[in-house]
PDB file of N, CA and C in Angstrom:
ATOM      1  N   UNK A   1       0.884  -1.179   0.026  1.00  0.00           N
ATOM      2  CA  UNK A   1      -0.009   0.014   0.018  1.00  0.00           C
ATOM      3  C   UNK A   1       0.891   1.241   0.002  1.00  0.00           C
ATOM      4  N   UNK A   2       0.668   2.148  -0.919  1.00  0.00           N
ATOM      5  CA  UNK A   2       1.444   3.365  -0.943  1.00  0.00           C
ATOM      6  C   UNK A   2       1.062   4.375   0.093  1.00  0.00           C
ATOM      7  N   UNK A   3       1.828   5.372   0.210  1.00  0.00           N
ATOM      8  CA  UNK A   3       1.589   6.438   1.223  1.00  0.00           C
ATOM      9  C   UNK A   3       0.232   7.150   1.130  1.00  0.00           C
ATOM     10  N   UNK A   4      -0.129   7.400  -0.182  1.00  0.00           N
ATOM     11  CA  UNK A   4      -1.444   8.066  -0.387  1.00  0.00           C
ATOM     12  C   UNK A   4      -2.600   7.269   0.087  1.00  0.00           C
ATOM     13  N   UNK A   5      -2.540   6.013  -0.223  1.00  0.00           N
ATOM     14  CA  UNK A   5      -3.645   5.112   0.186  1.00  0.00           C
ATOM     15  C   UNK A   5      -3.715   4.957   1.703  1.00  0.00           C
ATOM     16  N   UNK A   6      -2.485   4.924   2.352  1.00  0.00           N
ATOM     17  CA  UNK A   6      -2.457   4.777   3.826  1.00  0.00           C
ATOM     18  C   UNK A   6      -3.002   6.092   4.435  1.00  0.00           C
ATOM     19  N   UNK A   7      -2.688   7.246   3.908  1.00  0.00           N
ATOM     20  CA  UNK A   7      -3.196   8.486   4.395  1.00  0.00           C
ATOM     21  C   UNK A   7      -4.691   8.546   4.285  1.00  0.00           C
ATOM     22  N   UNK A   8      -5.191   8.033   3.185  1.00  0.00           N
ATOM     23  CA  UNK A   8      -6.693   7.995   3.000  1.00  0.00           C
ATOM     24  C   UNK A   8      -7.345   7.067   4.048  1.00  0.00           C
ATOM     25  N   UNK A   9      -6.713   5.945   4.346  1.00  0.00           N
ATOM     26  CA  UNK A   9      -7.249   5.003   5.319  1.00  0.00           C
ATOM     27  C   UNK A   9      -7.177   5.641   6.714  1.00  0.00           C
ATOM     28  N   UNK A  10      -6.197   6.482   6.955  1.00  0.00           N
ATOM     29  CA  UNK A  10      -6.095   7.082   8.316  1.00  0.00           C
ATOM     30  C   UNK A  10      -7.079   8.253   8.532  1.00  0.00           C
ATOM     31  N   UNK A  11      -7.637   8.698   7.478  1.00  0.00           N
ATOM     32  CA  UNK A  11      -8.686   9.793   7.628  1.00  0.00           C
ATOM     33  C   UNK A  11      -9.952   9.229   8.265  1.00  0.00           C
ATOM     34  N   UNK A  12     -10.244   7.918   7.962  1.00  0.00           N
ATOM     35  CA  UNK A  12     -11.484   7.333   8.480  1.00  0.00           C
ATOM     36  C   UNK A  12     -11.524   7.337  10.024  1.00  0.00           C
ATOM     37  N   UNK A  13     -10.495   6.828  10.688  1.00  0.00           N
ATOM     38  CA  UNK A  13     -10.510   6.859  12.177  1.00  0.00           C
ATOM     39  C   UNK A  13     -10.570   8.253  12.712  1.00  0.00           C
ATOM     40  N   UNK A  14      -9.925   9.219  12.088  1.00  0.00           N
ATOM     41  CA  UNK A  14      -9.919  10.581  12.563  1.00  0.00           C
ATOM     42  C   UNK A  14     -11.353  11.165  12.507  1.00  0.00           C
ATOM     43  N   UNK A  15     -12.011  10.891  11.437  1.00  0.00           N
ATOM     44  CA  UNK A  15     -13.391  11.342  11.289  1.00  0.00           C
ATOM     45  C   UNK A  15     -14.329  10.670  12.269  1.00  0.00           C
ATOM     46  N   UNK A  16     -14.164   9.389  12.481  1.00  0.00           N
ATOM     47  CA  UNK A  16     -14.947   8.722  13.487  1.00  0.00           C
ATOM     48  C   UNK A  16     -14.677   9.192  14.919  1.00  0.00           C
ATOM     49  N   UNK A  17     -13.416   9.488  15.208  1.00  0.00           N
ATOM     50  CA  UNK A  17     -13.147  10.027  16.581  1.00  0.00           C
ATOM     51  C   UNK A  17     -13.833  11.373  16.748  1.00  0.00           C
ATOM     52  N   UNK A  18     -13.760  12.232  15.769  1.00  0.00           N
ATOM     53  CA  UNK A  18     -14.469  13.514  15.819  1.00  0.00           C
ATOM     54  C   UNK A  18     -16.014  13.314  15.966  1.00  0.00           C
ATOM     55  N   UNK A  19     -16.566  12.396  15.194  1.00  0.00           N
ATOM     56  CA  UNK A  19     -17.984  12.110  15.219  1.00  0.00           C
ATOM     57  C   UNK A  19     -18.372  11.531  16.599  1.00  0.00           C
ATOM     58  N   UNK A  20     -17.476  10.757  17.251  1.00  0.00           N
ATOM     59  CA  UNK A  20     -17.742  10.166  18.514  1.00  0.00           C
ATOM     60  C   UNK A  20     -17.943  11.218  19.571  1.00  0.00           C
ATOM     61  N   UNK A  21     -17.392  12.376  19.415  1.00  0.00           N
ATOM     62  CA  UNK A  21     -17.573  13.463  20.403  1.00  0.00           C
ATOM     63  C   UNK A  21     -18.759  14.378  19.989  1.00  0.00           C
ATOM     64  N   UNK A  22     -18.894  14.591  18.704  1.00  0.00           N
ATOM     65  CA  UNK A  22     -19.909  15.511  18.240  1.00  0.00           C
ATOM     66  C   UNK A  22     -21.319  14.943  18.211  1.00  0.00           C
ATOM     67  N   UNK A  23     -21.440  13.741  17.604  1.00  0.00           N
ATOM     68  CA  UNK A  23     -22.725  13.174  17.330  1.00  0.00           C
ATOM     69  C   UNK A  23     -23.570  12.873  18.577  1.00  0.00           C
ATOM     70  N   UNK A  24     -23.040  12.297  19.644  1.00  0.00           N
ATOM     71  CA  UNK A  24     -23.859  12.072  20.806  1.00  0.00           C
ATOM     72  C   UNK A  24     -24.424  13.306  21.499  1.00  0.00           C
ATOM     73  N   UNK A  25     -23.773  14.425  21.349  1.00  0.00           N
ATOM     74  CA  UNK A  25     -24.206  15.623  22.007  1.00  0.00           C
ATOM     75  C   UNK A  25     -25.018  16.517  21.016  1.00  0.00           C
ATOM     76  N   UNK A  26     -25.179  16.104  19.798  1.00  0.00           N
ATOM     77  CA  UNK A  26     -26.005  16.868  18.840  1.00  0.00           C
ATOM     78  C   UNK A  26     -27.170  16.073  18.414  1.00  0.00           C
ATOM     79  N   UNK A  27     -27.022  15.170  17.467  1.00  0.00           N
ATOM     80  CA  UNK A  27     -28.098  14.413  16.883  1.00  0.00           C
ATOM     81  C   UNK A  27     -28.678  13.384  17.904  1.00  0.00           C
ATOM     82  N   UNK A  28     -27.914  12.820  18.755  1.00  0.00           N
ATOM     83  CA  UNK A  28     -28.360  11.804  19.698  1.00  0.00           C
ATOM     84  C   UNK A  28     -28.715  12.422  21.081  1.00  0.00           C
ATOM     85  N   UNK A  29     -28.735  13.695  21.166  1.00  0.00           N
ATOM     86  CA  UNK A  29     -29.032  14.349  22.470  1.00  0.00           C
ATOM     87  C   UNK A  29     -30.456  14.124  22.935  1.00  0.00           C
ATOM     88  N   UNK A  30     -31.396  13.970  21.976  1.00  0.00           N
ATOM     89  CA  UNK A  30     -32.798  13.699  22.346  1.00  0.00           C
ATOM     90  C   UNK A  30     -33.088  12.295  22.711  1.00  0.00           C
ATOM     91  N   UNK A  31     -32.133  11.411  22.500  1.00  0.00           N
ATOM     92  CA  UNK A  31     -32.357  10.006  22.829  1.00  0.00           C
ATOM     93  C   UNK A  31     -32.113   9.842  24.348  1.00  0.00           C
ATOM     94  N   UNK A  32     -33.137   9.524  25.068  1.00  0.00           N
ATOM     95  CA  UNK A  32     -33.020   9.412  26.546  1.00  0.00           C
ATOM     96  C   UNK A  32     -32.307   8.129  27.059  1.00  0.00           C
ATOM     97  N   UNK A  33     -32.401   7.107  26.161  1.00  0.00           N
ATOM     98  CA  UNK A  33     -31.802   5.876  26.571  1.00  0.00           C
ATOM     99  C   UNK A  33     -30.289   5.888  26.365  1.00  0.00           C
ATOM    100  N   UNK A  34     -29.579   5.172  27.167  1.00  0.00           N
ATOM    101  CA  UNK A  34     -28.149   5.166  27.161  1.00  0.00           C
ATOM    102  C   UNK A  34     -27.613   4.474  25.887  1.00  0.00           C
ATOM    103  N   UNK A  35     -28.455   3.571  25.300  1.00  0.00           N
ATOM    104  CA  UNK A  35     -27.919   2.803  24.143  1.00  0.00           C
ATOM    105  C   UNK A  35     -27.849   3.584  22.861  1.00  0.00           C
ATOM    106  N   UNK A  36     -28.297   4.739  22.779  1.00  0.00           N
ATOM    107  CA  UNK A  36     -28.115   5.568  21.547  1.00  0.00           C
ATOM    108  C   UNK A  36     -26.698   5.830  21.256  1.00  0.00           C
ATOM    109  N   UNK A  37     -26.000   6.386  22.208  1.00  0.00           N
ATOM    110  CA  UNK A  37     -24.584   6.772  22.040  1.00  0.00           C
ATOM    111  C   UNK A  37     -23.750   5.477  22.089  1.00  0.00           C
ATOM    112  N   UNK A  38     -24.138   4.570  22.985  1.00  0.00           N
ATOM    113  CA  UNK A  38     -23.350   3.324  23.132  1.00  0.00           C
ATOM    114  C   UNK A  38     -23.283   2.513  21.865  1.00  0.00           C
ATOM    115  N   UNK A  39     -24.449   2.448  21.127  1.00  0.00           N
ATOM    116  CA  UNK A  39     -24.436   1.728  19.891  1.00  0.00           C
ATOM    117  C   UNK A  39     -23.546   2.401  18.858  1.00  0.00           C
ATOM    118  N   UNK A  40     -23.593   3.705  18.824  1.00  0.00           N
ATOM    119  CA  UNK A  40     -22.717   4.446  17.887  1.00  0.00           C
ATOM    120  C   UNK A  40     -21.243   4.183  18.191  1.00  0.00           C
ATOM    121  N   UNK A  41     -20.939   4.331  19.480  1.00  0.00           N
ATOM    122  CA  UNK A  41     -19.537   4.154  19.904  1.00  0.00           C
ATOM    123  C   UNK A  41     -19.036   2.772  19.643  1.00  0.00           C
ATOM    124  N   UNK A  42     -19.897   1.752  19.799  1.00  0.00           N
ATOM    125  CA  UNK A  42     -19.540   0.327  19.567  1.00  0.00           C
ATOM    126  C   UNK A  42     -19.304   0.152  18.015  1.00  0.00           C
ATOM    127  N   UNK A  43     -20.147   0.646  17.216  1.00  0.00           N
ATOM    128  CA  UNK A  43     -19.972   0.506  15.737  1.00  0.00           C
ATOM    129  C   UNK A  43     -18.713   1.293  15.310  1.00  0.00           C
ATOM    130  N   UNK A  44     -18.473   2.478  15.819  1.00  0.00           N
ATOM    131  CA  UNK A  44     -17.287   3.323  15.447  1.00  0.00           C
ATOM    132  C   UNK A  44     -16.043   2.531  15.879  1.00  0.00           C
ATOM    133  N   UNK A  45     -16.074   1.931  16.994  1.00  0.00           N
ATOM    134  CA  UNK A  45     -14.894   1.235  17.485  1.00  0.00           C
ATOM    135  C   UNK A  45     -14.612  -0.007  16.593  1.00  0.00           C
ATOM    136  N   UNK A  46     -15.655  -0.709  16.160  1.00  0.00           N
ATOM    137  CA  UNK A  46     -15.470  -1.829  15.264  1.00  0.00           C
ATOM    138  C   UNK A  46     -14.889  -1.401  13.915  1.00  0.00           C
ATOM    139  N   UNK A  47     -15.297  -0.255  13.428  1.00  0.00           N
ATOM    140  CA  UNK A  47     -14.791   0.259  12.141  1.00  0.00           C
ATOM    141  C   UNK A  47     -13.307   0.667  12.346  1.00  0.00           C
ATOM    142  N   UNK A  48     -12.945   1.336  13.400  1.00  0.00           N
ATOM    143  CA  UNK A  48     -11.572   1.776  13.624  1.00  0.00           C
ATOM    144  C   UNK A  48     -10.695   0.520  13.743  1.00  0.00           C
ATOM    145  N   UNK A  49     -11.135  -0.486  14.433  1.00  0.00           N
ATOM    146  CA  UNK A  49     -10.305  -1.744  14.565  1.00  0.00           C
ATOM    147  C   UNK A  49     -10.140  -2.375  13.192  1.00  0.00           C
ATOM    148  N   UNK A  50     -11.209  -2.341  12.363  1.00  0.00           N
ATOM    149  CA  UNK A  50     -11.065  -2.895  10.983  1.00  0.00           C
ATOM    150  C   UNK A  50     -10.092  -2.118  10.180  1.00  0.00           C
ATOM    151  N   UNK A  51     -10.187  -0.800  10.248  1.00  0.00           N
ATOM    152  CA  UNK A  51      -9.293  -0.002   9.467  1.00  0.00           C
ATOM    153  C   UNK A  51      -7.812  -0.196   9.911  1.00  0.00           C
ATOM    154  N   UNK A  52      -7.582  -0.308  11.204  1.00  0.00           N
ATOM    155  CA  UNK A  52      -6.266  -0.564  11.731  1.00  0.00           C
ATOM    156  C   UNK A  52      -5.763  -1.933  11.298  1.00  0.00           C
ATOM    157  N   UNK A  53      -6.619  -2.907  11.179  1.00  0.00           N
ATOM    158  CA  UNK A  53      -6.201  -4.236  10.728  1.00  0.00           C
ATOM    159  C   UNK A  53      -5.818  -4.151   9.269  1.00  0.00           C
ATOM    160  N   UNK A  54      -6.540  -3.419   8.458  1.00  0.00           N
ATOM    161  CA  UNK A  54      -6.195  -3.282   7.028  1.00  0.00           C
ATOM    162  C   UNK A  54      -4.855  -2.600   6.901  1.00  0.00           C
ATOM    163  N   UNK A  55      -4.636  -1.507   7.621  1.00  0.00           N
ATOM    164  CA  UNK A  55      -3.409  -0.777   7.536  1.00  0.00           C
ATOM    165  C   UNK A  55      -2.239  -1.629   7.925  1.00  0.00           C
ATOM    166  N   UNK A  56      -2.293  -2.231   9.060  1.00  0.00           N
ATOM    167  CA  UNK A  56      -1.227  -3.012   9.674  1.00  0.00           C
ATOM    168  C   UNK A  56      -0.998  -4.323   8.948  1.00  0.00           C
ATOM    169  N   UNK A  57      -1.930  -4.784   8.150  1.00  0.00           N
ATOM    170  CA  UNK A  57      -1.749  -6.061   7.436  1.00  0.00           C
ATOM    171  C   UNK A  57      -0.740  -5.840   6.304  1.00  0.00           C
ATOM    172  N   UNK A  58      -0.616  -4.666   5.873  1.00  0.00           N
ATOM    173  CA  UNK A  58       0.344  -4.382   4.780  1.00  0.00           C
ATOM    174  C   UNK A  58       1.757  -4.067   5.219  1.00  0.00           C
ATOM    175  N   UNK A  59       2.007  -4.048   6.522  1.00  0.00           N
ATOM    176  CA  UNK A  59       3.326  -3.773   7.028  1.00  0.00           C
ATOM    177  C   UNK A  59       4.266  -4.929   6.801  1.00  0.00           C
ATOM    178  N   UNK A  60       5.512  -4.600   6.519  1.00  0.00           N
ATOM    179  CA  UNK A  60       6.515  -5.654   6.299  1.00  0.00           C
ATOM    180  C   UNK A  60       7.683  -5.351   7.225  1.00  0.00           C
ATOM    181  N   UNK A  61       8.516  -6.400   7.444  1.00  0.00           N
ATOM    182  CA  UNK A  61       9.681  -6.232   8.232  1.00  0.00           C
ATOM    183  C   UNK A  61      10.679  -5.436   7.559  1.00  0.00           C
TER     184      UNK A  61
END
């Protein structure tokens, strides 16, 4: 994987981290149940783990 592709893959976790702070306090603020934010954070974490797996699978010694 070249540097440009790696940089593009790294944008995904950065956007998800930003959304993890912004989204629960804006769009999900009217959800009274705790699982609104928890579900988003769980899915965001799974996506970040997947992106990290893709990036690190291309590493060589």
